[in-house]
Amino acid sequence: MNVDKSKVVSVYSIRNFKFLGFALGRGKNGVYIRAHAKSLKKVKAKLKELTSRSQGRNVRQVMENVKVYICGWLGYFGIADMKNTMQRWDEWLRQRFRVYIWKQWKVPSARIRNLIKLGIPKHYAYKWGYAKAYWNVAGSPILTRSITNERLARAGYYSLSGRYESLHLCD
């Protein structure tokens, strides 16, 4: 008998109760199923690995790899209540892809040229083209206006919150 797995605890105990990656929560509407914190931590680490900006792959291929992984993960954990988590992760993942694209543009001249192609005025493109803080630039109004959510979706971005909500249409 495994002593770590065989014990008596409250099913509402956040840290102590984990069954097949799930835990139970208690809210104003009663009891609900949620993904355990360890499961969420594990999937976020895998998403970080998949979207690592040092891969040297086309961003569309990286998006496809993330899509395959997320489809499987949500297929299993989709029954859990985690709408807010999926919305936060969606925003985080879109910013990671903007960082990935920004880093692939490499040199300031390519960044400036691409920003101008995407409709950013020249003076803003020159101002931001030399910025090196990848995460800060990806969250800036310049990249969120040029690499919009719609453009990411056309490139193959797979929305976590959209997929999660489509799984919960029956609720």
C-alpha atoms as a PDB file:
ATOM      1  CA  MET A   1       0.000   0.000   0.000  1.00  0.00           C
ATOM      2  CA  ASN A   2       1.289   3.456  -0.931  1.00  0.00           C
ATOM      3  CA  VAL A   3       1.060   5.605   2.200  1.00  0.00           C
ATOM      4  CA  ASP A   4       1.307   8.855   0.227  1.00  0.00           C
ATOM      5  CA  LYS A   5      -1.711   7.989  -1.912  1.00  0.00           C
ATOM      6  CA  SER A   6      -3.763   6.196   0.729  1.00  0.00           C
ATOM      7  CA  LYS A   7      -4.895   8.598   3.395  1.00  0.00           C
ATOM      8  CA  VAL A   8      -8.014  10.147   4.806  1.00  0.00           C
ATOM      9  CA  VAL A   9      -8.404  13.857   4.045  1.00  0.00           C
ATOM     10  CA  SER A  10     -11.210  16.251   3.313  1.00  0.00           C
ATOM     11  CA  VAL A  11     -12.035  16.269  -0.397  1.00  0.00           C
ATOM     12  CA  TYR A  12     -12.118  20.067  -0.238  1.00  0.00           C
ATOM     13  CA  SER A  13      -8.551  20.247   1.025  1.00  0.00           C
ATOM     14  CA  ILE A  14      -6.701  22.124  -1.697  1.00  0.00           C
ATOM     15  CA  ARG A  15      -3.217  20.766  -1.054  1.00  0.00           C
ATOM     16  CA  ASN A  16      -3.973  17.277   0.187  1.00  0.00           C
ATOM     17  CA  PHE A  17      -6.675  15.937  -2.113  1.00  0.00           C
ATOM     18  CA  LYS A  18      -5.728  15.107  -5.689  1.00  0.00           C
ATOM     19  CA  PHE A  19      -7.430  12.370  -7.682  1.00  0.00           C
ATOM     20  CA  LEU A  20      -6.362  11.744 -11.305  1.00  0.00           C
ATOM     21  CA  GLY A  21      -5.228  15.368 -11.590  1.00  0.00           C
ATOM     22  CA  PHE A  22      -8.502  16.794 -10.282  1.00  0.00           C
ATOM     23  CA  ALA A  23      -9.645  18.276  -7.006  1.00  0.00           C
ATOM     24  CA  LEU A  24     -12.987  19.460  -5.688  1.00  0.00           C
ATOM     25  CA  GLY A  25     -13.855  23.000  -4.787  1.00  0.00           C
ATOM     26  CA  ARG A  26     -16.691  24.552  -2.875  1.00  0.00           C
ATOM     27  CA  GLY A  27     -18.274  27.827  -3.960  1.00  0.00           C
ATOM     28  CA  LYS A  28     -21.504  29.769  -3.654  1.00  0.00           C
ATOM     29  CA  ASN A  29     -23.143  27.453  -6.222  1.00  0.00           C
ATOM     30  CA  GLY A  30     -22.088  24.300  -4.427  1.00  0.00           C
ATOM     31  CA  VAL A  31     -19.369  21.764  -5.171  1.00  0.00           C
ATOM     32  CA  TYR A  32     -17.436  21.860  -8.448  1.00  0.00           C
ATOM     33  CA  ILE A  33     -14.611  19.954 -10.141  1.00  0.00           C
ATOM     34  CA  ARG A  34     -11.375  21.786 -10.775  1.00  0.00           C
ATOM     35  CA  ALA A  35      -7.940  20.932 -12.042  1.00  0.00           C
ATOM     36  CA  HIS A  36      -5.447  20.471  -9.209  1.00  0.00           C
ATOM     37  CA  ALA A  37      -2.748  23.138  -8.833  1.00  0.00           C
ATOM     38  CA  LYS A  38      -0.008  20.594  -9.630  1.00  0.00           C
ATOM     39  CA  SER A  39      -1.752  19.688 -12.901  1.00  0.00           C
ATOM     40  CA  LEU A  40      -2.052  23.351 -13.870  1.00  0.00           C
ATOM     41  CA  LYS A  41       1.589  23.976 -13.000  1.00  0.00           C
ATOM     42  CA  LYS A  42       2.664  21.000 -15.108  1.00  0.00           C
ATOM     43  CA  VAL A  43       0.731  22.087 -18.213  1.00  0.00           C
ATOM     44  CA  LYS A  44       1.981  25.668 -17.942  1.00  0.00           C
ATOM     45  CA  ALA A  45       5.566  24.403 -17.793  1.00  0.00           C
ATOM     46  CA  LYS A  46       4.913  22.330 -20.914  1.00  0.00           C
ATOM     47  CA  LEU A  47       3.436  25.367 -22.700  1.00  0.00           C
ATOM     48  CA  LYS A  48       6.535  27.370 -21.751  1.00  0.00           C
ATOM     49  CA  GLU A  49       8.680  24.615 -23.211  1.00  0.00           C
ATOM     50  CA  LEU A  50       6.634  24.450 -26.422  1.00  0.00           C
ATOM     51  CA  THR A  51       6.736  28.236 -26.916  1.00  0.00           C
ATOM     52  CA  SER A  52      10.372  28.714 -25.973  1.00  0.00           C
ATOM     53  CA  ARG A  53      11.694  31.472 -28.200  1.00  0.00           C
ATOM     54  CA  SER A  54      15.040  29.775 -28.806  1.00  0.00           C
ATOM     55  CA  GLN A  55      13.659  26.947 -30.958  1.00  0.00           C
ATOM     56  CA  GLY A  56      14.336  28.486 -34.349  1.00  0.00           C
ATOM     57  CA  ARG A  57      11.082  27.108 -35.793  1.00  0.00           C
ATOM     58  CA  ASN A  58       8.406  28.834 -37.793  1.00  0.00           C
ATOM     59  CA  VAL A  59       5.784  30.340 -35.489  1.00  0.00           C
ATOM     60  CA  ARG A  60       3.021  28.491 -37.358  1.00  0.00           C
ATOM     61  CA  GLN A  61       4.665  25.162 -36.524  1.00  0.00           C
ATOM     62  CA  VAL A  62       4.952  26.147 -32.870  1.00  0.00           C
ATOM     63  CA  MET A  63       1.263  27.143 -32.870  1.00  0.00           C
ATOM     64  CA  GLU A  64       0.369  23.753 -34.347  1.00  0.00           C
ATOM     65  CA  ASN A  65       2.385  21.944 -31.659  1.00  0.00           C
ATOM     66  CA  VAL A  66       0.615  23.952 -28.946  1.00  0.00           C
ATOM     67  CA  LYS A  67      -2.756  23.219 -30.558  1.00  0.00           C
ATOM     68  CA  VAL A  68      -2.133  19.462 -30.563  1.00  0.00           C
ATOM     69  CA  TYR A  69      -1.040  19.512 -26.927  1.00  0.00           C
ATOM     70  CA  ILE A  70      -3.899  21.734 -25.742  1.00  0.00           C
ATOM     71  CA  CYS A  71      -6.532  19.694 -27.608  1.00  0.00           C
ATOM     72  CA  GLY A  72      -5.446  16.583 -25.739  1.00  0.00           C
ATOM     73  CA  TRP A  73      -5.109  18.326 -22.407  1.00  0.00           C
ATOM     74  CA  LEU A  74      -8.515  20.008 -22.652  1.00  0.00           C
ATOM     75  CA  GLY A  75     -10.002  16.725 -23.810  1.00  0.00           C
ATOM     76  CA  TYR A  76      -9.105  15.320 -20.411  1.00  0.00           C
ATOM     77  CA  PHE A  77      -9.361  18.355 -18.122  1.00  0.00           C
ATOM     78  CA  GLY A  78     -12.215  20.070 -19.986  1.00  0.00           C
ATOM     79  CA  ILE A  79     -14.766  18.996 -17.397  1.00  0.00           C
ATOM     80  CA  ALA A  80     -13.088  21.104 -14.709  1.00  0.00           C
ATOM     81  CA  ASP A  81     -14.243  24.633 -13.909  1.00  0.00           C
ATOM     82  CA  MET A  82     -11.379  26.865 -14.985  1.00  0.00           C
ATOM     83  CA  LYS A  83     -12.832  29.578 -17.222  1.00  0.00           C
ATOM     84  CA  ASN A  84     -10.816  32.418 -15.670  1.00  0.00           C
ATOM     85  CA  THR A  85      -7.614  30.377 -15.783  1.00  0.00           C
ATOM     86  CA  MET A  86      -8.116  29.664 -19.496  1.00  0.00           C
ATOM     87  CA  GLN A  87      -8.744  33.360 -20.214  1.00  0.00           C
ATOM     88  CA  ARG A  88      -5.567  34.366 -18.353  1.00  0.00           C
ATOM     89  CA  TRP A  89      -3.545  31.665 -20.108  1.00  0.00           C
ATOM     90  CA  ASP A  90      -4.959  32.743 -23.466  1.00  0.00           C
ATOM     91  CA  GLU A  91      -3.678  36.297 -22.929  1.00  0.00           C
ATOM     92  CA  TRP A  92      -0.335  34.969 -21.674  1.00  0.00           C
ATOM     93  CA  LEU A  93       0.044  32.602 -24.635  1.00  0.00           C
ATOM     94  CA  ARG A  94      -0.774  35.309 -27.184  1.00  0.00           C
ATOM     95  CA  GLN A  95       1.914  37.491 -25.617  1.00  0.00           C
ATOM     96  CA  ARG A  96       4.376  34.569 -25.780  1.00  0.00           C
ATOM     97  CA  PHE A  97       3.674  34.235 -29.498  1.00  0.00           C
ATOM     98  CA  ARG A  98       4.202  37.971 -29.989  1.00  0.00           C
ATOM     99  CA  VAL A  99       7.566  37.600 -28.219  1.00  0.00           C
ATOM    100  CA  TYR A 100       8.368  34.643 -30.477  1.00  0.00           C
ATOM    101  CA  ILE A 101       7.595  36.685 -33.603  1.00  0.00           C
ATOM    102  CA  TRP A 102       9.487  39.742 -32.315  1.00  0.00           C
ATOM    103  CA  LYS A 103      12.564  37.644 -31.639  1.00  0.00           C
ATOM    104  CA  GLN A 104      12.363  36.026 -35.096  1.00  0.00           C
ATOM    105  CA  TRP A 105      12.542  39.452 -36.702  1.00  0.00           C
ATOM    106  CA  LYS A 106      16.022  39.652 -35.065  1.00  0.00           C
ATOM    107  CA  VAL A 107      17.523  42.940 -36.274  1.00  0.00           C
ATOM    108  CA  PRO A 108      16.052  46.424 -35.909  1.00  0.00           C
ATOM    109  CA  SER A 109      15.800  46.930 -39.672  1.00  0.00           C
ATOM    110  CA  ALA A 110      13.626  43.823 -40.041  1.00  0.00           C
ATOM    111  CA  ARG A 111      11.497  44.862 -37.080  1.00  0.00           C
ATOM    112  CA  ILE A 112      10.994  48.342 -38.498  1.00  0.00           C
ATOM    113  CA  ARG A 113      10.186  46.984 -41.966  1.00  0.00           C
ATOM    114  CA  ASN A 114       7.671  44.477 -40.568  1.00  0.00           C
ATOM    115  CA  LEU A 115       6.014  46.997 -38.279  1.00  0.00           C
ATOM    116  CA  ILE A 116       5.547  49.364 -41.220  1.00  0.00           C
ATOM    117  CA  LYS A 117       4.086  46.476 -43.281  1.00  0.00           C
ATOM    118  CA  LEU A 118       1.638  45.826 -40.462  1.00  0.00           C
ATOM    119  CA  GLY A 119       0.410  49.430 -40.549  1.00  0.00           C
ATOM    120  CA  ILE A 120       2.402  51.130 -37.795  1.00  0.00           C
ATOM    121  CA  PRO A 121       3.467  54.733 -38.663  1.00  0.00           C
ATOM    122  CA  LYS A 122       7.174  55.097 -39.476  1.00  0.00           C
ATOM    123  CA  HIS A 123       8.106  57.225 -36.473  1.00  0.00           C
ATOM    124  CA  TYR A 124       6.631  54.637 -34.059  1.00  0.00           C
ATOM    125  CA  ALA A 125       8.229  51.784 -35.987  1.00  0.00           C
ATOM    126  CA  TYR A 126      11.654  53.432 -35.699  1.00  0.00           C
ATOM    127  CA  LYS A 127      11.081  54.182 -32.015  1.00  0.00           C
ATOM    128  CA  TRP A 128      10.128  50.588 -31.139  1.00  0.00           C
ATOM    129  CA  GLY A 129      12.312  48.777 -33.666  1.00  0.00           C
ATOM    130  CA  TYR A 130      15.387  49.131 -31.476  1.00  0.00           C
ATOM    131  CA  ALA A 131      13.749  47.926 -28.257  1.00  0.00           C
ATOM    132  CA  LYS A 132      15.256  44.736 -26.838  1.00  0.00           C
ATOM    133  CA  ALA A 133      13.102  43.888 -23.821  1.00  0.00           C
ATOM    134  CA  TYR A 134      11.110  41.183 -25.581  1.00  0.00           C
ATOM    135  CA  TRP A 135       8.352  40.683 -23.018  1.00  0.00           C
ATOM    136  CA  ASN A 136       7.802  44.418 -22.541  1.00  0.00           C
ATOM    137  CA  VAL A 137       7.619  45.039 -26.287  1.00  0.00           C
ATOM    138  CA  ALA A 138       5.203  42.130 -26.773  1.00  0.00           C
ATOM    139  CA  GLY A 139       2.832  43.696 -24.253  1.00  0.00           C
ATOM    140  CA  SER A 140       3.192  47.177 -25.699  1.00  0.00           C
ATOM    141  CA  PRO A 141       0.424  48.897 -27.666  1.00  0.00           C
ATOM    142  CA  ILE A 142       2.632  48.770 -30.774  1.00  0.00           C
ATOM    143  CA  LEU A 143       2.716  44.974 -31.037  1.00  0.00           C
ATOM    144  CA  THR A 144      -0.809  44.425 -29.763  1.00  0.00           C
ATOM    145  CA  ARG A 145      -2.009  46.819 -32.491  1.00  0.00           C
ATOM    146  CA  SER A 146       0.163  45.361 -35.239  1.00  0.00           C
ATOM    147  CA  ILE A 147       0.060  41.653 -34.349  1.00  0.00           C
ATOM    148  CA  THR A 148      -3.603  41.584 -33.369  1.00  0.00           C
ATOM    149  CA  ASN A 149      -5.513  38.636 -31.982  1.00  0.00           C
ATOM    150  CA  GLU A 150      -7.209  38.266 -35.378  1.00  0.00           C
ATOM    151  CA  ARG A 151      -3.849  38.084 -37.156  1.00  0.00           C
ATOM    152  CA  LEU A 152      -2.649  35.474 -34.698  1.00  0.00           C
ATOM    153  CA  ALA A 153      -5.835  33.467 -35.287  1.00  0.00           C
ATOM    154  CA  ARG A 154      -5.323  33.619 -39.069  1.00  0.00           C
ATOM    155  CA  ALA A 155      -1.744  32.418 -38.559  1.00  0.00           C
ATOM    156  CA  GLY A 156      -3.040  29.371 -36.701  1.00  0.00           C
ATOM    157  CA  TYR A 157      -3.366  30.443 -33.075  1.00  0.00           C
ATOM    158  CA  TYR A 158      -5.675  28.114 -31.184  1.00  0.00           C
ATOM    159  CA  SER A 159      -7.656  29.905 -28.494  1.00  0.00           C
ATOM    160  CA  LEU A 160      -7.644  28.069 -25.176  1.00  0.00           C
ATOM    161  CA  SER A 161     -10.629  29.922 -23.769  1.00  0.00           C
ATOM    162  CA  GLY A 162     -12.568  29.484 -27.016  1.00  0.00           C
ATOM    163  CA  ARG A 163     -11.977  25.741 -27.015  1.00  0.00           C
ATOM    164  CA  TYR A 164     -12.748  25.487 -23.309  1.00  0.00           C
ATOM    165  CA  GLU A 165     -16.040  27.371 -23.727  1.00  0.00           C
ATOM    166  CA  SER A 166     -17.017  25.191 -26.687  1.00  0.00           C
ATOM    167  CA  LEU A 167     -16.581  22.165 -24.409  1.00  0.00           C
ATOM    168  CA  HIS A 168     -18.852  23.798 -21.815  1.00  0.00           C
ATOM    169  CA  LEU A 169     -21.746  24.752 -24.115  1.00  0.00           C
ATOM    170  CA  CYS A 170     -23.860  22.027 -22.527  1.00  0.00           C
ATOM    171  CA  ASP A 171     -23.552  23.559 -19.036  1.00  0.00           C
END
